[in-house]
């Protein structure tokens, strides 16, 4: 399944540029909303002495100041920010609205690519058709909105549990024997639970599109495929390898390209995991599918 997903990714790689363009527009829209919401906090920040204190702090460090003095000054600056900014009702309110904008509105906008991407992939796999992402996005915008809102009902609590788990593990830093192992434990936890998260939602969109099921029955049917039939571990292994390679590649591109490579990596990873979702659904539904124009995979129905 993983090998075939990679082959389809290479066949559909041109769709990466459409996804990249969409994410550029989405980031612009979400950033504009965020700046608008944060305007009271930004105005209050510029009117305070915090910018000058920040410049002076780093200037002192660059001109021979000690690390100890820098840490002490940074702690004082943090206390100043918390005392001067966060106690202001307008600032505190704008920060909460900003968090809601990023979590709900931003997540909705960024997630709107999933359904039309799955439709385009399904067309490739079922008919060897090459659909326009833009056309499918406009045609299925209503269904995509409903799907994304329904998915957020499950994905936001799931991601909150993962973040809470990472936050809880961070306190191992204060346990002397585990202090230096804390980052490794947190990474291991992330690599273990993220494939489960992908696996949980993997067959939802394919069950809607290819299986032609209704919204929530499609989720139940997809989860049954992903975790049932005694093959959940094999599917989990595909997502584990995908998450591991994606994480390693993201770190590599973030460090050695100064973040520039992430502009391509994000749409590539989104496209790949959507392809893998469809491959899993087709494989365990006994559906024939195209890898490319010359290669057809025939899969038996799993009893």
Protein backbone atom coordinates (compact mmCIF):
# COMPACT_ATOMS: atom_id res chain seq x y z
CA UNK A 1 0.00 0.00 0.00
CA UNK A 2 2.77 2.43 0.91
CA UNK A 3 4.66 1.67 -2.32
CA UNK A 4 1.56 2.16 -4.46
CA UNK A 5 0.75 5.42 -2.67
CA UNK A 6 4.24 6.72 -3.52
CA UNK A 7 3.75 5.74 -7.18
CA UNK A 8 0.41 7.54 -7.34
CA UNK A 9 2.01 10.58 -5.69
CA UNK A 10 4.54 10.71 -8.53
CA UNK A 11 1.73 10.37 -11.08
CA UNK A 12 -0.28 13.16 -9.44
CA UNK A 13 2.63 15.39 -8.45
CA UNK A 14 1.35 18.25 -10.61
CA UNK A 15 -1.47 18.69 -8.08
CA UNK A 16 1.13 19.85 -5.53
CA UNK A 17 1.30 23.25 -7.23
CA UNK A 18 -2.46 23.75 -6.93
CA UNK A 19 -2.29 22.86 -3.24
CA UNK A 20 0.67 25.18 -2.74
CA UNK A 21 -1.22 28.09 -4.33
CA UNK A 22 -4.25 27.35 -2.15
CA UNK A 23 -2.15 27.29 1.03
CA UNK A 24 -0.51 30.61 0.12
CA UNK A 25 -3.96 32.19 -0.24
CA UNK A 26 -5.17 30.47 2.95
CA UNK A 27 -2.19 31.67 4.98
CA UNK A 28 -2.77 35.21 3.70
CA UNK A 29 -6.44 35.13 4.70
CA UNK A 30 -5.84 33.60 8.14
CA UNK A 31 -2.93 35.99 8.81
CA UNK A 32 -5.07 38.99 7.87
CA UNK A 33 -7.81 37.79 10.22
CA UNK A 34 -5.27 37.17 12.96
CA UNK A 35 -3.67 40.60 12.66
CA UNK A 36 -7.11 42.25 12.67
CA UNK A 37 -8.09 40.40 15.85
CA UNK A 38 -4.72 41.12 17.51
CA UNK A 39 -4.75 44.83 16.70
CA UNK A 40 -5.61 45.91 20.30
CA UNK A 41 -2.72 43.80 21.62
CA UNK A 42 -0.33 45.06 18.93
CA UNK A 43 -1.28 48.69 19.59
CA UNK A 44 -0.84 48.26 23.35
CA UNK A 45 2.51 46.53 22.78
CA UNK A 46 3.86 49.32 20.56
CA UNK A 47 2.78 51.95 23.07
CA UNK A 48 4.64 50.23 25.92
CA UNK A 49 8.35 50.09 26.67
CA UNK A 50 8.52 46.37 25.85
CA UNK A 51 9.95 46.78 22.28
CA UNK A 52 12.77 49.01 23.58
CA UNK A 53 13.50 46.59 26.43
CA UNK A 54 13.62 43.67 23.99
CA UNK A 55 16.08 45.48 21.70
CA UNK A 56 18.24 46.45 24.68
CA UNK A 57 18.25 42.89 25.99
CA UNK A 58 19.52 41.37 22.75
CA UNK A 59 21.90 44.28 22.18
CA UNK A 60 23.47 43.58 25.57
CA UNK A 61 23.92 39.90 24.69
CA UNK A 62 25.51 40.67 21.31
CA UNK A 63 27.92 43.14 22.89
CA UNK A 64 29.50 40.76 25.36
CA UNK A 65 26.77 40.24 27.95
CA UNK A 66 26.67 36.92 29.79
CA UNK A 67 24.09 34.21 29.23
CA UNK A 68 23.08 34.43 32.89
CA UNK A 69 22.29 38.13 32.55
CA UNK A 70 20.37 37.47 29.34
CA UNK A 71 18.24 34.75 30.98
CA UNK A 72 17.59 37.01 33.97
CA UNK A 73 16.61 39.89 31.69
CA UNK A 74 14.40 37.61 29.60
CA UNK A 75 12.58 36.45 32.72
CA UNK A 76 12.01 40.06 33.78
CA UNK A 77 10.76 40.93 30.28
CA UNK A 78 8.34 37.99 30.34
CA UNK A 79 7.00 39.12 33.71
CA UNK A 80 6.60 42.64 32.33
CA UNK A 81 4.65 41.35 29.32
CA UNK A 82 2.39 39.22 31.52
CA UNK A 83 1.80 42.05 33.97
CA UNK A 84 1.45 44.91 31.50
CA UNK A 85 -0.34 43.29 28.58
CA UNK A 86 -2.26 40.23 29.69
CA UNK A 87 -3.97 42.08 32.54
CA UNK A 88 -5.63 44.44 30.04
CA UNK A 89 -9.17 43.15 29.26
CA UNK A 90 -9.03 44.25 25.62
CA UNK A 91 -5.67 42.57 25.08
CA UNK A 92 -6.66 39.39 26.89
CA UNK A 93 -9.90 39.20 24.92
CA UNK A 94 -8.18 39.73 21.59
CA UNK A 95 -5.69 36.95 22.39
CA UNK A 96 -8.51 34.51 23.12
CA UNK A 97 -10.32 35.46 19.92
CA UNK A 98 -7.03 35.03 18.04
CA UNK A 99 -6.67 31.49 19.44
CA UNK A 100 -10.23 30.68 18.35
CA UNK A 101 -9.57 32.12 14.88
CA UNK A 102 -6.44 29.99 14.47
CA UNK A 103 -7.98 26.81 15.88
CA UNK A 104 -11.43 26.95 14.29
CA UNK A 105 -11.40 29.32 11.30
CA UNK A 106 -7.81 28.52 10.31
CA UNK A 107 -8.34 24.80 10.68
CA UNK A 108 -11.50 24.97 8.60
CA UNK A 109 -9.85 26.96 5.80
CA UNK A 110 -6.74 24.77 5.67
CA UNK A 111 -8.85 21.60 5.81
CA UNK A 112 -11.05 22.59 2.87
CA UNK A 113 -8.49 21.04 0.49
CA UNK A 114 -9.02 17.51 1.79
CA UNK A 115 -12.35 16.63 0.16
CA UNK A 116 -11.60 17.96 -3.38
CA UNK A 117 -8.14 16.37 -3.19
CA UNK A 118 -9.74 13.03 -2.31
CA UNK A 119 -12.20 13.46 -5.21
CA UNK A 120 -9.36 14.10 -7.68
CA UNK A 121 -7.40 11.11 -6.36
CA UNK A 122 -10.48 8.88 -6.57
CA UNK A 123 -10.92 9.90 -10.21
CA UNK A 124 -7.31 8.98 -10.93
CA UNK A 125 -7.54 5.62 -9.17
CA UNK A 126 -10.95 4.55 -10.46
CA UNK A 127 -10.88 5.90 -14.04
CA UNK A 128 -7.30 7.05 -14.66
CA UNK A 129 -8.83 10.53 -15.01
CA UNK A 130 -6.93 13.75 -14.43
CA UNK A 131 -9.28 16.19 -12.73
CA UNK A 132 -8.54 19.84 -12.06
CA UNK A 133 -8.16 20.56 -8.36
CA UNK A 134 -9.62 24.05 -8.81
CA UNK A 135 -12.66 22.70 -10.63
CA UNK A 136 -13.30 20.03 -8.01
CA UNK A 137 -12.77 22.56 -5.21
CA UNK A 138 -15.41 24.90 -6.63
CA UNK A 139 -17.81 22.09 -7.57
CA UNK A 140 -17.66 20.37 -4.17
CA UNK A 141 -17.24 23.40 -1.89
CA UNK A 142 -20.56 22.73 -0.15
CA UNK A 143 -19.84 19.06 0.54
CA UNK A 144 -16.28 19.93 1.49
CA UNK A 145 -17.53 22.45 4.07
CA UNK A 146 -19.93 19.95 5.64
CA UNK A 147 -17.25 17.23 5.71
CA UNK A 148 -14.67 19.52 7.25
CA UNK A 149 -17.03 20.81 9.95
CA UNK A 150 -18.01 17.24 10.83
CA UNK A 151 -14.38 16.13 10.91
CA UNK A 152 -13.47 19.01 13.21
CA UNK A 153 -15.94 17.67 15.77
CA UNK A 154 -13.64 14.67 16.15
CA UNK A 155 -10.22 15.95 15.08
CA UNK A 156 -10.04 18.96 17.43
CA UNK A 157 -10.66 16.86 20.62
CA UNK A 158 -8.27 14.19 19.29
CA UNK A 159 -5.52 16.74 18.68
CA UNK A 160 -6.20 18.34 22.07
CA UNK A 161 -5.59 14.95 23.74
CA UNK A 162 -2.31 14.58 21.83
CA UNK A 163 -1.16 18.09 22.80
CA UNK A 164 -2.18 17.50 26.41
CA UNK A 165 -0.15 14.28 26.38
CA UNK A 166 2.91 16.08 25.04
CA UNK A 167 2.44 18.84 27.63
CA UNK A 168 2.18 16.30 30.43
CA UNK A 169 5.32 14.49 29.26
CA UNK A 170 7.22 17.80 29.26
CA UNK A 171 7.10 17.77 33.08
CA UNK A 172 9.44 14.76 33.02
CA UNK A 173 12.15 17.41 32.51
CA UNK A 174 11.87 18.13 36.23
CA UNK A 175 12.44 14.45 37.13
CA UNK A 176 16.19 14.18 37.53
CA UNK A 177 16.69 10.61 36.16
CA UNK A 178 14.52 11.34 33.10
CA UNK A 179 15.59 14.92 32.42
CA UNK A 180 17.79 14.22 29.41
CA UNK A 181 15.42 11.56 28.04
CA UNK A 182 12.37 13.86 28.03
CA UNK A 183 12.74 15.06 24.39
CA UNK A 184 13.21 11.46 23.23
CA UNK A 185 10.12 10.31 25.16
CA UNK A 186 8.03 13.16 23.71
CA UNK A 187 9.17 12.37 20.16
CA UNK A 188 8.43 8.66 20.69
CA UNK A 189 4.94 9.51 21.99
CA UNK A 190 4.30 11.74 18.96
CA UNK A 191 5.48 9.07 16.51
CA UNK A 192 3.28 6.48 18.22
CA UNK A 193 -0.01 8.41 18.45
CA UNK A 194 0.03 10.42 15.19
CA UNK A 195 -0.30 7.30 12.98
CA UNK A 196 -3.30 6.28 15.09
CA UNK A 197 -4.81 9.72 14.48
CA UNK A 198 -4.28 9.38 10.72
CA UNK A 199 -5.62 5.83 10.79
CA UNK A 200 -8.80 6.89 12.60
CA UNK A 201 -9.81 9.35 9.85
CA UNK A 202 -8.11 7.57 6.94
CA UNK A 203 -11.12 6.04 5.19
CA UNK A 204 -13.76 8.66 6.00
CA UNK A 205 -13.47 10.73 2.80
CA UNK A 206 -12.95 7.66 0.54
CA UNK A 207 -16.07 6.01 2.05
CA UNK A 208 -18.02 9.19 1.26
CA UNK A 209 -16.72 9.53 -2.29
CA UNK A 210 -15.96 6.03 -3.55
CA UNK A 211 -18.29 4.17 -1.20
CA UNK A 212 -21.08 6.76 -1.67
CA UNK A 213 -22.10 6.54 1.98
CA UNK A 214 -23.66 9.28 4.08
CA UNK A 215 -21.56 11.49 6.33
CA UNK A 216 -21.42 9.75 9.71
CA UNK A 217 -22.06 6.20 8.42
CA UNK A 218 -19.02 6.80 6.20
CA UNK A 219 -16.94 7.58 9.30
CA UNK A 220 -18.11 4.39 11.02
CA UNK A 221 -17.52 2.33 7.90
CA UNK A 222 -14.07 3.85 7.40
CA UNK A 223 -13.07 3.21 11.00
CA UNK A 224 -14.23 -0.40 10.66
CA UNK A 225 -11.96 -0.84 7.64
CA UNK A 226 -9.02 0.94 9.28
CA UNK A 227 -9.10 -1.01 12.55
CA UNK A 228 -11.12 -4.11 11.73
CA UNK A 229 -10.65 -7.29 9.75
CA UNK A 230 -7.53 -8.10 11.76
CA UNK A 231 -5.41 -5.85 9.52
CA UNK A 232 -5.25 -2.72 11.66
CA UNK A 233 -1.58 -3.28 12.47
CA UNK A 234 -0.64 -3.46 8.79
CA UNK A 235 -2.47 -0.19 8.10
CA UNK A 236 -0.93 1.38 11.21
CA UNK A 237 2.52 0.40 9.92
CA UNK A 238 1.91 2.32 6.68
CA UNK A 239 0.98 5.48 8.57
CA UNK A 240 3.83 5.02 11.05
CA UNK A 241 6.38 4.90 8.21
CA UNK A 242 4.69 7.89 6.59
CA UNK A 243 4.70 9.97 9.79
CA UNK A 244 8.29 8.98 10.60
CA UNK A 245 9.61 9.89 7.13
CA UNK A 246 7.53 13.09 7.00
CA UNK A 247 8.79 14.20 10.42
CA UNK A 248 12.42 13.47 9.52
CA UNK A 249 12.07 15.27 6.18
CA UNK A 250 10.38 18.27 7.82
CA UNK A 251 13.26 18.62 10.31
CA UNK A 252 15.84 18.23 7.54
CA UNK A 253 14.19 20.82 5.27
CA UNK A 254 13.54 23.18 8.16
CA UNK A 255 17.20 23.16 9.22
CA UNK A 256 19.12 22.87 5.96
CA UNK A 257 16.90 25.06 3.78
CA UNK A 258 16.10 27.59 6.53
CA UNK A 259 12.44 26.65 6.24
CA UNK A 260 12.16 27.31 2.49
CA UNK A 261 11.74 23.62 1.67
CA UNK A 262 8.67 23.45 3.91
CA UNK A 263 6.70 25.44 1.32
CA UNK A 264 6.83 22.38 -0.95
CA UNK A 265 6.90 19.76 1.78
CA UNK A 266 3.50 20.72 3.25
CA UNK A 267 1.40 20.28 0.07
CA UNK A 268 3.39 17.14 -0.84
CA UNK A 269 2.69 15.55 2.56
CA UNK A 270 -1.00 16.55 2.43
CA UNK A 271 -1.34 15.01 -1.04
CA UNK A 272 0.53 11.84 -0.04
CA UNK A 273 -1.55 11.11 3.06
CA UNK A 274 -4.76 11.68 1.11
CA UNK A 275 -3.50 9.24 -1.52
CA UNK A 276 -2.60 6.71 1.16
CA UNK A 277 -6.12 7.06 2.60
CA UNK A 278 -7.62 6.15 -0.75
CA UNK A 279 -5.20 3.28 -1.31
CA UNK A 280 -6.10 1.80 2.09
CA UNK A 281 -9.83 2.08 1.34
CA UNK A 282 -9.50 0.58 -2.14
CA UNK A 283 -7.21 -2.20 -0.91
CA UNK A 284 -9.55 -3.40 1.82
CA UNK A 285 -12.76 -2.88 -0.15
CA UNK A 286 -11.60 -5.16 -2.97
CA UNK A 287 -11.61 -2.34 -5.53
CA UNK A 288 -9.48 -2.30 -8.68
CA UNK A 289 -7.45 0.91 -9.06
CA UNK A 290 -4.96 2.61 -11.33
CA UNK A 291 -1.50 3.41 -10.05
CA UNK A 292 -0.60 5.04 -13.37
CA UNK A 293 -1.82 4.74 -16.96
CA UNK A 294 -0.08 1.38 -17.44
CA UNK A 295 -0.48 -0.22 -14.01
CA UNK A 296 -3.73 -1.55 -12.52
CA UNK A 297 -3.91 -3.11 -9.07
CA UNK A 298 -6.53 -5.81 -8.46
CA UNK A 299 -7.24 -6.37 -4.79
CA UNK A 300 -9.34 -9.21 -3.40
CA UNK A 301 -12.13 -8.46 -0.94
CA UNK A 302 -10.88 -8.97 2.62
CA UNK A 303 -13.31 -11.23 4.51
